[in-house]
């Protein structure tokens, strides 16, 4: 009987250790997913900044073209 109880105790300890391992693995996966989420947020922020930069460049080019067209039209009127 004592050997049977010791065997049950050992089996329960093994189950406990296995569950602890599952818990640790789950925490590791959770941390990895949080890292992925943070990385994706950083990529999103970088893409938004790049988009804003392109919009600024577009506005500058539009202003330059408009200025150039105005100067060209003014010059043609003088001819």
Protein backbone atom coordinates (compact mmCIF):
# COMPACT_ATOMS: atom_id res chain seq x y z
CA UNK A 1 0.00 0.00 0.00
CA UNK A 2 2.83 2.34 0.85
CA UNK A 3 4.43 1.69 -2.54
CA UNK A 4 1.13 2.40 -4.29
CA UNK A 5 0.74 5.73 -2.46
CA UNK A 6 4.32 6.62 -3.29
CA UNK A 7 3.65 5.80 -6.93
CA UNK A 8 0.50 7.95 -6.94
CA UNK A 9 2.41 10.76 -5.25
CA UNK A 10 5.17 10.54 -7.87
CA UNK A 11 2.61 10.50 -10.68
CA UNK A 12 0.88 13.57 -9.24
CA UNK A 13 4.23 15.31 -8.94
CA UNK A 14 4.94 14.48 -12.59
CA UNK A 15 1.55 15.90 -13.60
CA UNK A 16 2.24 19.02 -11.54
CA UNK A 17 5.64 19.45 -13.22
CA UNK A 18 4.08 18.95 -16.64
CA UNK A 19 1.40 21.56 -15.92
CA UNK A 20 4.08 23.94 -14.69
CA UNK A 21 5.94 23.41 -17.97
CA UNK A 22 2.77 24.11 -19.94
CA UNK A 23 2.21 27.27 -17.91
CA UNK A 24 5.77 28.43 -18.57
CA UNK A 25 5.45 27.67 -22.28
CA UNK A 26 2.16 29.54 -22.39
CA UNK A 27 3.80 32.55 -20.74
CA UNK A 28 6.62 32.38 -23.27
CA UNK A 29 4.15 32.34 -26.15
CA UNK A 30 2.27 35.25 -24.60
CA UNK A 31 5.50 37.25 -24.30
CA UNK A 32 6.46 36.42 -27.88
CA UNK A 33 3.05 37.57 -29.12
CA UNK A 34 3.40 40.79 -27.15
CA UNK A 35 6.80 41.34 -28.81
CA UNK A 36 5.24 40.73 -32.23
CA UNK A 37 2.45 43.16 -31.41
CA UNK A 38 4.95 45.82 -30.33
CA UNK A 39 7.02 45.26 -33.46
CA UNK A 40 3.95 45.58 -35.68
CA UNK A 41 2.97 48.76 -33.87
CA UNK A 42 6.47 50.14 -34.53
CA UNK A 43 6.20 49.19 -38.21
CA UNK A 44 2.78 50.82 -38.39
CA UNK A 45 4.15 54.01 -36.84
CA UNK A 46 7.09 54.03 -39.24
CA UNK A 47 4.78 53.55 -42.23
CA UNK A 48 2.55 56.35 -41.01
CA UNK A 49 5.57 58.65 -40.65
CA UNK A 50 6.72 57.66 -44.16
CA UNK A 51 3.24 58.34 -45.53
CA UNK A 52 3.25 61.76 -43.86
CA UNK A 53 6.67 62.49 -45.34
CA UNK A 54 5.44 61.53 -48.81
CA UNK A 55 2.42 63.80 -48.35
CA UNK A 56 4.76 66.65 -47.37
CA UNK A 57 6.96 65.99 -50.41
CA UNK A 58 3.87 65.92 -52.60
CA UNK A 59 2.74 69.28 -51.19
CA UNK A 60 6.16 70.81 -51.79
CA UNK A 61 6.24 69.50 -55.36
CA UNK A 62 2.73 70.78 -55.98
CA UNK A 63 3.77 74.21 -54.71
CA UNK A 64 6.88 74.19 -56.90
CA UNK A 65 4.88 73.20 -59.98
CA UNK A 66 2.27 75.83 -59.25
CA UNK A 67 4.97 78.47 -58.76
CA UNK A 68 6.74 77.39 -61.94
CA UNK A 69 3.48 77.48 -63.90
CA UNK A 70 2.70 80.94 -62.54
CA UNK A 71 6.15 82.21 -63.50
CA UNK A 72 5.90 80.59 -66.93
CA UNK A 73 2.46 82.11 -67.55
CA UNK A 74 3.65 85.53 -66.37
CA UNK A 75 6.64 85.30 -68.71
CA UNK A 76 4.43 84.34 -71.66
CA UNK A 77 2.15 87.34 -71.06
CA UNK A 78 5.14 89.68 -71.38
CA UNK A 79 6.10 88.33 -74.80
